[in-house]
Structures are given as structure tokens and as C-alpha cells.
Amino acid sequence: MASEKSSAKKTLSIIGNVFIWIFIVFAVVVTIFAFASQGNSEGVPVIGGKGLLKVQTDSMEPVYKAGDLIIGTQLDPAARTQLQVNDIITFKTDINGDGQNNELKTHRIVEVITEDGTVTGYYTKGDHNPMVDADPDTGKPALVRWQDVLFKHTEKGRIPVLGSVLDFLNTRTGFMVCVVIPLALFFILELVSFIRKFVEVKNDGKKKVSEAELEAMKLAAIEEAKKQLAAEAAEKEAAEKAEAAKTEEVTEAKAEEAAPEETVGEAAAEAEAEHTPEETVEDAVPAAEEATAEPSAETGADETEAKTEE
């Protein structure tokens, strides 16, 4: 089982490396195209004397279709005057009607124009078009000067759809998506691979942890985390109970502080009540003595009166 997993990992690694290297080669080619087109006055990438152009319309169907990448041979001045009927050429012309021959067109030569035995230019036509290329102002066939011819093509010199891809890659978004990001991913993956190999070399000879041991370690870590969470929950609950008990004690203490004041008042009232009878007794003693003295006096008087009468 372990050997099968290892084999599958190796296969995936090989496939991934293949795709990465394909991206790298593609990115390098696109970068070369971009720099080559910037260095050309016509904005056409030229590599090793070969021009790379994208077909914009279907005027040359069925030979070339819109979106195809066509490869043409760059012509020197002498070769530009030696072209023949049925040759497919790319030349500068005025397509948008601004009076400047700044646009490029790729059509087939249908007639060679000479003057005094010297080639002066060519009449051209798209294979899919019914008429010869005409001057929009006069309606007559438009003469392509030999000086405006740039490339000569063959019918087999095309790569379907790739022209549209290169057009997208020439944009900022396309360059980022298809060049910068793949290269960045490649370097990141290579860095990760290097780190892994470095760790493997560093740990070579040390005890290796099996998958079962690794799984057991994971479970132990999970259990430890659960215990820690339970301990934290119990500690929190104990703290809440202690806080509640403390609050209850404070409440009882406040109640006890209020109770002695009432007791003192009641004790004072009782003392007053107990003190009042004592005072009454004390007051009653002199009164009794006075009452006792009065009859004695009266008795003495009676006795005196009795003696007088005798």
C-alpha cells in the first residue's frame, strides 16, 4: 500500500514537472515574441528572419482563417521586386482611410505591374474576396508598391488559433496570467521541493515517524486539546461560583451590619422599661414613710387631746 502511494506521488510529480516546463517554454517564447515585436518598426515580431502575424479576417479563406498565426519570410529590397503571381505577401496599406500606410494586409498577388521592364508594384486579392483590392477613392485596383512588401508566405505556414492566443498574451492581463503567474508558481514549487529535500537530507539517519504513529500523535494532540478546553471550562465555572459566593457573603455582611443598630435600640427601650419600676419603688419608700408619720402625728394629737380632757 505504501509503495503504491509512493509510486502515485512520483507519477504526479513527473506530470506536474512536465506541465511546469511546458509553461516555462511557452512563457519564454511569448516573452521573446513580445520583445521582438517591440523592436520592429512595424510592430511585427521577427525571429531569425521569420515574421509572425495573426490573421484578422477571413479574406484569405480557406488557406488562412481568422485567428491563425502565419509565418512569413522577411524580404530584402531585391527579393521584393522578384515576386510572382500567386505569391502570398504581407504589405503595408491604408485600411482605415487615414491616408497613412500603417496597417498590414496579407493577400495573394494576382498581377505584377512593371514599367519599362522594372517591377513597380502588384495587384492583390483575398482568396475569399470576389474583387481585386481596390482604391476606396477611385474604385480602381490599388497598386501595392514593392517598397511596401514585408513578408512572403506559404499556404502551409500557419498555426491554427495560435494568433488569437498571442494577441491575448500581448495584453497586460494575458502576460500576467500566462507568463508571470506560471513562472512565479514554478519558482515557488521549486523552492518547496528544495526545502523538502534539504529537510530529508538533514533528517537522514534519524528516526522516521510512520503514518500510524503520525495518526496516533494527531489523536493524542486532539485529546490533549479537549482536556485543556475542559479544564479551562471547569476553571471558569469555579471562578463564577466563587464570585457568586463572594457576592452572597457581602450581602449577608451588609445585613448583619444593619441588624445590631436595631438591637441596640431595642435594648435601650428595654433598659428604660426596667429602670422605670426601680425609680417608682424608690419614690414609693419616702411616700410610705410620710404616710406612716402622718398617722403617728395624728395619734399623738389624739392622745394629747384625751389627756387634756381628763
C-alpha atoms as a PDB file:
ATOM      1  CA  MET A   1       0.000   0.000   0.000  1.00  0.00           C
ATOM      2  CA  ALA A   2       2.781   2.375   0.935  1.00  0.00           C
ATOM      3  CA  SER A   3       4.687   1.520  -2.259  1.00  0.00           C
ATOM      4  CA  GLU A   4       1.588   2.222  -4.359  1.00  0.00           C
ATOM      5  CA  LYS A   5       1.166   5.622  -2.724  1.00  0.00           C
ATOM      6  CA  SER A   6       4.822   6.402  -3.284  1.00  0.00           C
ATOM      7  CA  SER A   7       4.546   5.388  -6.945  1.00  0.00           C
ATOM      8  CA  ALA A   8       1.444   7.541  -7.406  1.00  0.00           C
ATOM      9  CA  LYS A   9       3.211  10.525  -5.820  1.00  0.00           C
ATOM     10  CA  LYS A  10       6.180  10.082  -8.145  1.00  0.00           C
ATOM     11  CA  THR A  11       3.895   9.894 -11.187  1.00  0.00           C
ATOM     12  CA  LEU A  12       2.011  13.029 -10.174  1.00  0.00           C
ATOM     13  CA  SER A  13       5.298  14.788  -9.524  1.00  0.00           C
ATOM     14  CA  ILE A  14       6.581  13.879 -13.003  1.00  0.00           C
ATOM     15  CA  ILE A  15       3.348  15.033 -14.672  1.00  0.00           C
ATOM     16  CA  GLY A  16       3.426  18.272 -12.710  1.00  0.00           C
ATOM     17  CA  ASN A  17       7.036  18.925 -13.691  1.00  0.00           C
ATOM     18  CA  VAL A  18       6.215  18.288 -17.358  1.00  0.00           C
ATOM     19  CA  PHE A  19       3.363  20.785 -17.306  1.00  0.00           C
ATOM     20  CA  ILE A  20       5.505  23.308 -15.487  1.00  0.00           C
ATOM     21  CA  TRP A  21       8.290  23.054 -18.035  1.00  0.00           C
ATOM     22  CA  ILE A  22       5.780  23.382 -20.871  1.00  0.00           C
ATOM     23  CA  PHE A  23       4.532  26.595 -19.246  1.00  0.00           C
ATOM     24  CA  ILE A  24       8.081  27.829 -18.881  1.00  0.00           C
ATOM     25  CA  VAL A  25       8.924  27.181 -22.523  1.00  0.00           C
ATOM     26  CA  PHE A  26       5.678  28.808 -23.582  1.00  0.00           C
ATOM     27  CA  ALA A  27       6.312  31.810 -21.358  1.00  0.00           C
ATOM     28  CA  VAL A  28       9.834  32.196 -22.725  1.00  0.00           C
ATOM     29  CA  VAL A  29       8.554  32.036 -26.327  1.00  0.00           C
ATOM     30  CA  VAL A  30       5.854  34.608 -25.614  1.00  0.00           C
ATOM     31  CA  THR A  31       8.387  36.884 -23.943  1.00  0.00           C
ATOM     32  CA  ILE A  32      10.660  36.613 -26.958  1.00  0.00           C
ATOM     33  CA  PHE A  33       7.728  37.438 -29.246  1.00  0.00           C
ATOM     34  CA  ALA A  34       6.846  40.463 -27.139  1.00  0.00           C
ATOM     35  CA  PHE A  35      10.376  41.873 -27.184  1.00  0.00           C
ATOM     36  CA  ALA A  36      10.798  41.058 -30.880  1.00  0.00           C
ATOM     37  CA  SER A  37       7.603  42.903 -31.800  1.00  0.00           C
ATOM     38  CA  GLN A  38       8.671  45.936 -29.758  1.00  0.00           C
ATOM     39  CA  GLY A  39      11.983  46.071 -31.568  1.00  0.00           C
ATOM     40  CA  ASN A  40      10.354  46.074 -35.019  1.00  0.00           C
ATOM     41  CA  SER A  41       9.192  49.316 -36.658  1.00  0.00           C
ATOM     42  CA  GLU A  42       6.033  47.595 -37.986  1.00  0.00           C
ATOM     43  CA  GLY A  43       5.253  46.036 -34.612  1.00  0.00           C
ATOM     44  CA  VAL A  44       5.681  42.534 -36.050  1.00  0.00           C
ATOM     45  CA  PRO A  45       7.807  40.030 -34.110  1.00  0.00           C
ATOM     46  CA  VAL A  46      10.652  38.853 -36.323  1.00  0.00           C
ATOM     47  CA  ILE A  47      12.837  35.958 -35.169  1.00  0.00           C
ATOM     48  CA  GLY A  48      15.568  34.597 -37.402  1.00  0.00           C
ATOM     49  CA  GLY A  49      14.179  36.357 -40.471  1.00  0.00           C
ATOM     50  CA  LYS A  50      10.670  34.942 -39.908  1.00  0.00           C
ATOM     51  CA  GLY A  51       7.733  37.214 -39.225  1.00  0.00           C
ATOM     52  CA  LEU A  52       4.836  36.085 -37.044  1.00  0.00           C
ATOM     53  CA  LEU A  53       1.438  37.604 -37.752  1.00  0.00           C
ATOM     54  CA  LYS A  54      -2.142  36.979 -36.709  1.00  0.00           C
ATOM     55  CA  VAL A  55      -4.850  36.724 -39.369  1.00  0.00           C
ATOM     56  CA  GLN A  56      -7.548  39.271 -38.521  1.00  0.00           C
ATOM     57  CA  THR A  57     -10.242  38.446 -41.122  1.00  0.00           C
ATOM     58  CA  ASP A  58     -11.478  35.586 -43.284  1.00  0.00           C
ATOM     59  CA  SER A  59     -10.472  37.263 -46.553  1.00  0.00           C
ATOM     60  CA  MET A  60      -7.919  34.519 -47.270  1.00  0.00           C
ATOM     61  CA  GLU A  61     -10.160  31.523 -46.535  1.00  0.00           C
ATOM     62  CA  PRO A  62      -9.799  28.618 -46.945  1.00  0.00           C
ATOM     63  CA  VAL A  63      -6.000  28.995 -46.865  1.00  0.00           C
ATOM     64  CA  TYR A  64      -5.905  31.171 -43.747  1.00  0.00           C
ATOM     65  CA  LYS A  65      -8.644  31.678 -41.194  1.00  0.00           C
ATOM     66  CA  ALA A  66      -9.205  34.452 -38.677  1.00  0.00           C
ATOM     67  CA  GLY A  67      -7.168  33.776 -35.538  1.00  0.00           C
ATOM     68  CA  ASP A  68      -4.462  31.755 -37.313  1.00  0.00           C
ATOM     69  CA  LEU A  69      -0.808  32.510 -36.742  1.00  0.00           C
ATOM     70  CA  ILE A  70       1.013  32.742 -40.070  1.00  0.00           C
ATOM     71  CA  ILE A  71       4.767  32.614 -40.521  1.00  0.00           C
ATOM     72  CA  GLY A  72       6.331  34.602 -43.335  1.00  0.00           C
ATOM     73  CA  THR A  73       9.834  35.133 -44.668  1.00  0.00           C
ATOM     74  CA  GLN A  74      11.159  38.657 -44.321  1.00  0.00           C
ATOM     75  CA  LEU A  75      12.157  40.063 -47.726  1.00  0.00           C
ATOM     76  CA  ASP A  76      15.108  42.265 -48.578  1.00  0.00           C
ATOM     77  CA  PRO A  77      14.689  45.017 -51.215  1.00  0.00           C
ATOM     78  CA  ALA A  78      15.912  42.828 -54.073  1.00  0.00           C
ATOM     79  CA  ALA A  79      13.517  39.984 -53.262  1.00  0.00           C
ATOM     80  CA  ARG A  80      10.582  42.390 -53.116  1.00  0.00           C
ATOM     81  CA  THR A  81      10.876  43.057 -56.845  1.00  0.00           C
ATOM     82  CA  GLN A  82      11.080  39.361 -57.801  1.00  0.00           C
ATOM     83  CA  LEU A  83       7.698  38.211 -56.611  1.00  0.00           C
ATOM     84  CA  GLN A  84       5.299  36.394 -58.900  1.00  0.00           C
ATOM     85  CA  VAL A  85       1.583  35.823 -59.397  1.00  0.00           C
ATOM     86  CA  ASN A  86       0.047  33.515 -56.728  1.00  0.00           C
ATOM     87  CA  ASP A  87       2.649  34.526 -54.141  1.00  0.00           C
ATOM     88  CA  ILE A  88       1.054  35.409 -50.799  1.00  0.00           C
ATOM     89  CA  ILE A  89       2.529  38.576 -49.354  1.00  0.00           C
ATOM     90  CA  THR A  90       2.080  40.850 -46.356  1.00  0.00           C
ATOM     91  CA  PHE A  91       2.288  44.518 -47.222  1.00  0.00           C
ATOM     92  CA  LYS A  92       1.634  47.931 -45.715  1.00  0.00           C
ATOM     93  CA  THR A  93      -1.528  49.686 -46.823  1.00  0.00           C
ATOM     94  CA  ASP A  94      -4.170  52.194 -45.723  1.00  0.00           C
ATOM     95  CA  ILE A  95      -7.075  50.177 -44.344  1.00  0.00           C
ATOM     96  CA  ASN A  96      -8.750  52.718 -42.059  1.00  0.00           C
ATOM     97  CA  GLY A  97      -8.668  55.549 -44.629  1.00  0.00           C
ATOM     98  CA  ASP A  98      -6.429  57.960 -42.694  1.00  0.00           C
ATOM     99  CA  GLY A  99      -4.053  58.405 -45.659  1.00  0.00           C
ATOM    100  CA  GLN A 100      -1.232  56.528 -43.937  1.00  0.00           C
ATOM    101  CA  ASN A 101       0.066  53.115 -44.953  1.00  0.00           C
ATOM    102  CA  ASN A 102       0.387  51.928 -41.365  1.00  0.00           C
ATOM    103  CA  GLU A 103      -1.834  48.839 -41.458  1.00  0.00           C
ATOM    104  CA  LEU A 104      -0.823  45.378 -42.654  1.00  0.00           C
ATOM    105  CA  LYS A 105      -2.714  43.158 -45.112  1.00  0.00           C
ATOM    106  CA  THR A 106      -1.932  39.645 -46.299  1.00  0.00           C
ATOM    107  CA  HIS A 107      -3.302  38.811 -49.753  1.00  0.00           C
ATOM    108  CA  ARG A 108      -2.315  36.939 -52.901  1.00  0.00           C
ATOM    109  CA  ILE A 109      -0.640  38.593 -55.920  1.00  0.00           C
ATOM    110  CA  VAL A 110      -2.918  38.436 -58.977  1.00  0.00           C
ATOM    111  CA  GLU A 111      -0.886  40.686 -61.282  1.00  0.00           C
ATOM    112  CA  VAL A 112       2.688  42.062 -61.456  1.00  0.00           C
ATOM    113  CA  ILE A 113       2.896  45.678 -62.577  1.00  0.00           C
ATOM    114  CA  THR A 114       6.015  46.743 -64.464  1.00  0.00           C
ATOM    115  CA  GLU A 115       7.191  49.953 -66.129  1.00  0.00           C
ATOM    116  CA  ASP A 116       9.969  49.873 -68.682  1.00  0.00           C
ATOM    117  CA  GLY A 117      10.724  46.306 -67.640  1.00  0.00           C
ATOM    118  CA  THR A 118      11.058  47.227 -63.977  1.00  0.00           C
ATOM    119  CA  VAL A 119       8.625  45.986 -61.379  1.00  0.00           C
ATOM    120  CA  THR A 120       6.847  48.875 -59.704  1.00  0.00           C
ATOM    121  CA  GLY A 121       4.214  47.026 -57.751  1.00  0.00           C
ATOM    122  CA  TYR A 122       1.479  44.401 -57.545  1.00  0.00           C
ATOM    123  CA  TYR A 123      -2.256  43.981 -57.654  1.00  0.00           C
ATOM    124  CA  THR A 124      -3.567  41.742 -54.875  1.00  0.00           C
ATOM    125  CA  LYS A 125      -6.758  39.952 -53.927  1.00  0.00           C
ATOM    126  CA  GLY A 126      -8.036  37.910 -50.988  1.00  0.00           C
ATOM    127  CA  ASP A 127      -8.890  34.325 -51.930  1.00  0.00           C
ATOM    128  CA  HIS A 128     -12.292  34.715 -50.298  1.00  0.00           C
ATOM    129  CA  ASN A 129     -12.983  38.133 -51.889  1.00  0.00           C
ATOM    130  CA  PRO A 130     -14.732  38.394 -55.278  1.00  0.00           C
ATOM    131  CA  MET A 131     -12.843  41.501 -56.428  1.00  0.00           C
ATOM    132  CA  VAL A 132      -9.266  42.715 -56.631  1.00  0.00           C
ATOM    133  CA  ASP A 133      -8.196  45.041 -53.832  1.00  0.00           C
ATOM    134  CA  ALA A 134      -9.346  48.470 -54.925  1.00  0.00           C
ATOM    135  CA  ASP A 135      -8.577  52.065 -54.033  1.00  0.00           C
ATOM    136  CA  PRO A 136     -11.562  53.310 -51.950  1.00  0.00           C
ATOM    137  CA  ASP A 137     -11.327  56.787 -53.539  1.00  0.00           C
ATOM    138  CA  THR A 138     -11.141  55.835 -57.228  1.00  0.00           C
ATOM    139  CA  GLY A 139     -12.547  52.314 -57.196  1.00  0.00           C
ATOM    140  CA  LYS A 140      -9.662  51.194 -59.400  1.00  0.00           C
ATOM    141  CA  PRO A 141      -7.290  48.353 -58.425  1.00  0.00           C
ATOM    142  CA  ALA A 142      -4.990  49.507 -55.656  1.00  0.00           C
ATOM    143  CA  LEU A 143      -1.316  49.289 -56.522  1.00  0.00           C
ATOM    144  CA  VAL A 144       0.890  47.776 -53.835  1.00  0.00           C
ATOM    145  CA  ARG A 145       4.338  49.286 -54.216  1.00  0.00           C
ATOM    146  CA  TRP A 146       7.190  46.809 -53.964  1.00  0.00           C
ATOM    147  CA  GLN A 147       8.697  49.034 -51.202  1.00  0.00           C
ATOM    148  CA  ASP A 148       5.648  48.291 -49.015  1.00  0.00           C
ATOM    149  CA  VAL A 149       6.004  44.499 -49.215  1.00  0.00           C
ATOM    150  CA  LEU A 150       7.345  42.972 -45.975  1.00  0.00           C
ATOM    151  CA  PHE A 151       6.865  39.188 -45.929  1.00  0.00           C
ATOM    152  CA  LYS A 152       6.221  36.273 -48.268  1.00  0.00           C
ATOM    153  CA  HIS A 153       4.136  33.315 -47.067  1.00  0.00           C
ATOM    154  CA  THR A 154       3.368  29.744 -47.989  1.00  0.00           C
ATOM    155  CA  GLU A 155      -0.017  28.093 -47.668  1.00  0.00           C
ATOM    156  CA  LYS A 156       1.314  25.645 -45.107  1.00  0.00           C
ATOM    157  CA  GLY A 157       2.958  28.273 -42.945  1.00  0.00           C
ATOM    158  CA  ARG A 158       0.158  28.668 -40.436  1.00  0.00           C
ATOM    159  CA  ILE A 159      -0.741  27.526 -36.896  1.00  0.00           C
ATOM    160  CA  PRO A 160      -4.497  27.492 -36.244  1.00  0.00           C
ATOM    161  CA  VAL A 161      -5.892  29.664 -33.406  1.00  0.00           C
ATOM    162  CA  LEU A 162      -2.439  30.484 -32.027  1.00  0.00           C
ATOM    163  CA  GLY A 163      -2.662  34.013 -33.388  1.00  0.00           C
ATOM    164  CA  SER A 164      -5.570  34.808 -31.076  1.00  0.00           C
ATOM    165  CA  VAL A 165      -3.652  33.333 -28.148  1.00  0.00           C
ATOM    166  CA  LEU A 166      -0.636  35.526 -28.903  1.00  0.00           C
ATOM    167  CA  ASP A 167      -2.878  38.567 -29.210  1.00  0.00           C
ATOM    168  CA  PHE A 168      -4.207  37.851 -25.723  1.00  0.00           C
ATOM    169  CA  LEU A 169      -0.692  37.307 -24.404  1.00  0.00           C
ATOM    170  CA  ASN A 170       0.371  40.680 -25.755  1.00  0.00           C
ATOM    171  CA  THR A 171      -2.108  42.329 -23.390  1.00  0.00           C
ATOM    172  CA  ARG A 172      -1.162  43.118 -19.795  1.00  0.00           C
ATOM    173  CA  THR A 173      -3.719  40.649 -18.421  1.00  0.00           C
ATOM    174  CA  GLY A 174      -2.607  37.879 -20.751  1.00  0.00           C
ATOM    175  CA  PHE A 175       1.046  38.408 -19.915  1.00  0.00           C
ATOM    176  CA  MET A 176       0.282  38.237 -16.184  1.00  0.00           C
ATOM    177  CA  VAL A 177      -1.940  35.145 -16.455  1.00  0.00           C
ATOM    178  CA  CYS A 178       0.149  33.120 -18.879  1.00  0.00           C
ATOM    179  CA  VAL A 179       3.702  34.265 -18.117  1.00  0.00           C
ATOM    180  CA  VAL A 180       4.213  35.935 -14.751  1.00  0.00           C
ATOM    181  CA  ILE A 181       1.916  33.726 -12.634  1.00  0.00           C
ATOM    182  CA  PRO A 182       3.139  30.374 -14.066  1.00  0.00           C
ATOM    183  CA  LEU A 183       6.751  31.430 -13.570  1.00  0.00           C
ATOM    184  CA  ALA A 184       6.020  32.514 -10.010  1.00  0.00           C
ATOM    185  CA  LEU A 185       4.305  29.178  -9.293  1.00  0.00           C
ATOM    186  CA  PHE A 186       7.234  27.328 -10.804  1.00  0.00           C
ATOM    187  CA  PHE A 187       9.752  29.072  -8.580  1.00  0.00           C
ATOM    188  CA  ILE A 188       7.546  28.545  -5.504  1.00  0.00           C
ATOM    189  CA  LEU A 189       7.191  24.826  -6.224  1.00  0.00           C
ATOM    190  CA  GLU A 190      10.917  24.502  -6.837  1.00  0.00           C
ATOM    191  CA  LEU A 191      11.606  26.288  -3.555  1.00  0.00           C
ATOM    192  CA  VAL A 192       9.240  23.955  -1.679  1.00  0.00           C
ATOM    193  CA  SER A 193      10.866  20.941  -3.323  1.00  0.00           C
ATOM    194  CA  PHE A 194      14.312  22.204  -2.364  1.00  0.00           C
ATOM    195  CA  ILE A 195      13.249  22.735   1.257  1.00  0.00           C
ATOM    196  CA  ARG A 196      11.768  19.234   1.441  1.00  0.00           C
ATOM    197  CA  LYS A 197      14.919  17.681   0.068  1.00  0.00           C
ATOM    198  CA  PHE A 198      17.022  19.739   2.459  1.00  0.00           C
ATOM    199  CA  VAL A 199      14.924  18.554   5.420  1.00  0.00           C
ATOM    200  CA  GLU A 200      15.148  14.948   4.226  1.00  0.00           C
ATOM    201  CA  VAL A 201      18.926  15.160   3.971  1.00  0.00           C
ATOM    202  CA  LYS A 202      19.129  16.839   7.370  1.00  0.00           C
ATOM    203  CA  ASN A 203      16.905  14.194   8.991  1.00  0.00           C
ATOM    204  CA  ASP A 204      18.624  11.306   7.255  1.00  0.00           C
ATOM    205  CA  GLY A 205      19.557   8.639   9.826  1.00  0.00           C
ATOM    206  CA  LYS A 206      17.093   9.937  12.386  1.00  0.00           C
ATOM    207  CA  LYS A 207      14.069   8.004  13.500  1.00  0.00           C
ATOM    208  CA  LYS A 208      11.325   8.240  10.937  1.00  0.00           C
ATOM    209  CA  VAL A 209       7.739   8.503  12.040  1.00  0.00           C
ATOM    210  CA  SER A 210       5.350   6.072  10.400  1.00  0.00           C
ATOM    211  CA  GLU A 211       1.903   7.074   9.235  1.00  0.00           C
ATOM    212  CA  ALA A 212       0.302   5.129  12.093  1.00  0.00           C
ATOM    213  CA  GLU A 213       2.499   6.915  14.629  1.00  0.00           C
ATOM    214  CA  LEU A 214       1.728  10.222  13.000  1.00  0.00           C
ATOM    215  CA  GLU A 215      -2.001   9.487  13.201  1.00  0.00           C
ATOM    216  CA  ALA A 216      -1.639   8.494  16.871  1.00  0.00           C
ATOM    217  CA  MET A 217       0.211  11.746  17.545  1.00  0.00           C
ATOM    218  CA  LYS A 218      -2.598  13.676  15.889  1.00  0.00           C
ATOM    219  CA  LEU A 219      -5.234  11.899  18.019  1.00  0.00           C
ATOM    220  CA  ALA A 220      -3.188  12.494  21.171  1.00  0.00           C
ATOM    221  CA  ALA A 221      -2.896  16.161  20.315  1.00  0.00           C
ATOM    222  CA  ILE A 222      -6.662  16.352  19.768  1.00  0.00           C
ATOM    223  CA  GLU A 223      -7.351  14.646  23.124  1.00  0.00           C
ATOM    224  CA  GLU A 224      -4.917  16.968  24.874  1.00  0.00           C
ATOM    225  CA  ALA A 225      -6.656  19.946  23.333  1.00  0.00           C
ATOM    226  CA  LYS A 226     -10.039  18.616  24.508  1.00  0.00           C
ATOM    227  CA  LYS A 227      -8.703  18.146  28.053  1.00  0.00           C
ATOM    228  CA  GLN A 228      -7.281  21.617  28.072  1.00  0.00           C
ATOM    229  CA  LEU A 229     -10.596  23.055  26.908  1.00  0.00           C
ATOM    230  CA  ALA A 230     -12.461  21.074  29.594  1.00  0.00           C
ATOM    231  CA  ALA A 231     -10.023  22.282  32.268  1.00  0.00           C
ATOM    232  CA  GLU A 232     -10.474  25.853  31.142  1.00  0.00           C
ATOM    233  CA  ALA A 233     -14.258  25.438  31.242  1.00  0.00           C
ATOM    234  CA  ALA A 234     -14.121  23.941  34.780  1.00  0.00           C
ATOM    235  CA  GLU A 235     -11.816  26.719  35.929  1.00  0.00           C
ATOM    236  CA  LYS A 236     -14.157  29.304  34.515  1.00  0.00           C
ATOM    237  CA  GLU A 237     -17.162  27.651  36.220  1.00  0.00           C
ATOM    238  CA  ALA A 238     -15.298  27.547  39.585  1.00  0.00           C
ATOM    239  CA  ALA A 239     -14.394  31.201  39.217  1.00  0.00           C
ATOM    240  CA  GLU A 240     -18.029  32.086  38.531  1.00  0.00           C
ATOM    241  CA  LYS A 241     -19.145  30.098  41.638  1.00  0.00           C
ATOM    242  CA  ALA A 242     -16.502  31.799  43.812  1.00  0.00           C
ATOM    243  CA  GLU A 243     -17.641  35.167  42.555  1.00  0.00           C
ATOM    244  CA  ALA A 244     -21.264  34.294  43.360  1.00  0.00           C
ATOM    245  CA  ALA A 245     -20.301  33.104  46.880  1.00  0.00           C
ATOM    246  CA  LYS A 246     -18.322  36.271  47.450  1.00  0.00           C
ATOM    247  CA  THR A 247     -21.275  38.374  46.394  1.00  0.00           C
ATOM    248  CA  GLU A 248     -23.544  36.435  48.783  1.00  0.00           C
ATOM    249  CA  GLU A 249     -21.112  36.951  51.680  1.00  0.00           C
ATOM    250  CA  VAL A 250     -21.007  40.670  51.031  1.00  0.00           C
ATOM    251  CA  THR A 251     -24.804  40.775  51.044  1.00  0.00           C
ATOM    252  CA  GLU A 252     -25.005  38.899  54.366  1.00  0.00           C
ATOM    253  CA  ALA A 253     -22.355  41.142  55.925  1.00  0.00           C
ATOM    254  CA  LYS A 254     -24.360  44.209  54.976  1.00  0.00           C
ATOM    255  CA  ALA A 255     -27.458  42.638  56.529  1.00  0.00           C
ATOM    256  CA  GLU A 256     -25.591  41.898  59.782  1.00  0.00           C
ATOM    257  CA  GLU A 257     -24.323  45.467  59.965  1.00  0.00           C
ATOM    258  CA  ALA A 258     -27.888  46.745  59.784  1.00  0.00           C
ATOM    259  CA  ALA A 259     -29.208  44.266  62.452  1.00  0.00           C
ATOM    260  CA  PRO A 260     -27.103  45.486  65.547  1.00  0.00           C
ATOM    261  CA  GLU A 261     -28.456  49.014  65.169  1.00  0.00           C
ATOM    262  CA  GLU A 262     -31.985  47.731  65.641  1.00  0.00           C
ATOM    263  CA  THR A 263     -30.880  45.529  68.588  1.00  0.00           C
ATOM    264  CA  VAL A 264     -29.229  48.484  70.322  1.00  0.00           C
ATOM    265  CA  GLY A 265     -32.443  50.464  70.022  1.00  0.00           C
ATOM    266  CA  GLU A 266     -34.487  47.633  71.412  1.00  0.00           C
ATOM    267  CA  ALA A 267     -32.006  47.131  74.309  1.00  0.00           C
ATOM    268  CA  ALA A 268     -32.265  50.795  75.195  1.00  0.00           C
ATOM    269  CA  ALA A 269     -36.034  50.582  75.276  1.00  0.00           C
ATOM    270  CA  GLU A 270     -35.920  47.524  77.495  1.00  0.00           C
ATOM    271  CA  ALA A 271     -33.417  49.178  79.830  1.00  0.00           C
ATOM    272  CA  GLU A 272     -35.674  52.184  80.108  1.00  0.00           C
ATOM    273  CA  ALA A 273     -38.608  49.946  80.838  1.00  0.00           C
ATOM    274  CA  GLU A 274     -36.652  48.099  83.522  1.00  0.00           C
ATOM    275  CA  HIS A 275     -35.337  51.340  85.040  1.00  0.00           C
ATOM    276  CA  THR A 276     -38.784  52.915  85.465  1.00  0.00           C
ATOM    277  CA  PRO A 277     -40.103  50.487  88.151  1.00  0.00           C
ATOM    278  CA  GLU A 278     -36.966  50.909  90.243  1.00  0.00           C
ATOM    279  CA  GLU A 279     -37.490  54.650  90.275  1.00  0.00           C
ATOM    280  CA  THR A 280     -41.148  54.106  91.248  1.00  0.00           C
ATOM    281  CA  VAL A 281     -40.162  51.922  94.223  1.00  0.00           C
ATOM    282  CA  GLU A 282     -37.584  54.431  95.325  1.00  0.00           C
ATOM    283  CA  ASP A 283     -40.197  57.133  95.087  1.00  0.00           C
ATOM    284  CA  ALA A 284     -42.714  54.954  96.957  1.00  0.00           C
ATOM    285  CA  VAL A 285     -40.477  54.452 100.022  1.00  0.00           C
ATOM    286  CA  PRO A 286     -40.493  58.143 101.087  1.00  0.00           C
ATOM    287  CA  ALA A 287     -44.194  58.292 100.373  1.00  0.00           C
ATOM    288  CA  ALA A 288     -44.828  55.320 102.628  1.00  0.00           C
ATOM    289  CA  GLU A 289     -42.692  56.825 105.367  1.00  0.00           C
ATOM    290  CA  GLU A 290     -44.630  60.048 105.086  1.00  0.00           C
ATOM    291  CA  ALA A 291     -47.892  58.135 105.244  1.00  0.00           C
ATOM    292  CA  THR A 292     -46.699  56.275 108.351  1.00  0.00           C
ATOM    293  CA  ALA A 293     -45.573  59.504 110.014  1.00  0.00           C
ATOM    294  CA  GLU A 294     -48.895  61.215 109.475  1.00  0.00           C
ATOM    295  CA  PRO A 295     -50.963  58.689 111.446  1.00  0.00           C
ATOM    296  CA  SER A 296     -48.390  58.797 114.266  1.00  0.00           C
ATOM    297  CA  ALA A 297     -48.765  62.519 114.472  1.00  0.00           C
ATOM    298  CA  GLU A 298     -52.477  62.221 114.412  1.00  0.00           C
ATOM    299  CA  THR A 299     -52.287  59.572 117.163  1.00  0.00           C
ATOM    300  CA  GLY A 300     -50.104  61.856 119.290  1.00  0.00           C
ATOM    301  CA  ALA A 301     -52.543  64.652 118.886  1.00  0.00           C
ATOM    302  CA  ASP A 302     -55.420  62.445 119.873  1.00  0.00           C
ATOM    303  CA  GLU A 303     -53.570  61.295 122.922  1.00  0.00           C
ATOM    304  CA  THR A 304     -52.860  64.899 123.946  1.00  0.00           C
ATOM    305  CA  GLU A 305     -56.433  65.831 123.449  1.00  0.00           C
ATOM    306  CA  ALA A 306     -57.502  62.866 125.599  1.00  0.00           C
ATOM    307  CA  LYS A 307     -55.117  63.829 128.374  1.00  0.00           C
ATOM    308  CA  THR A 308     -56.421  67.403 128.310  1.00  0.00           C
ATOM    309  CA  GLU A 309     -59.969  66.233 128.647  1.00  0.00           C
ATOM    310  CA  GLU A 310     -59.023  64.147 131.691  1.00  0.00           C
END
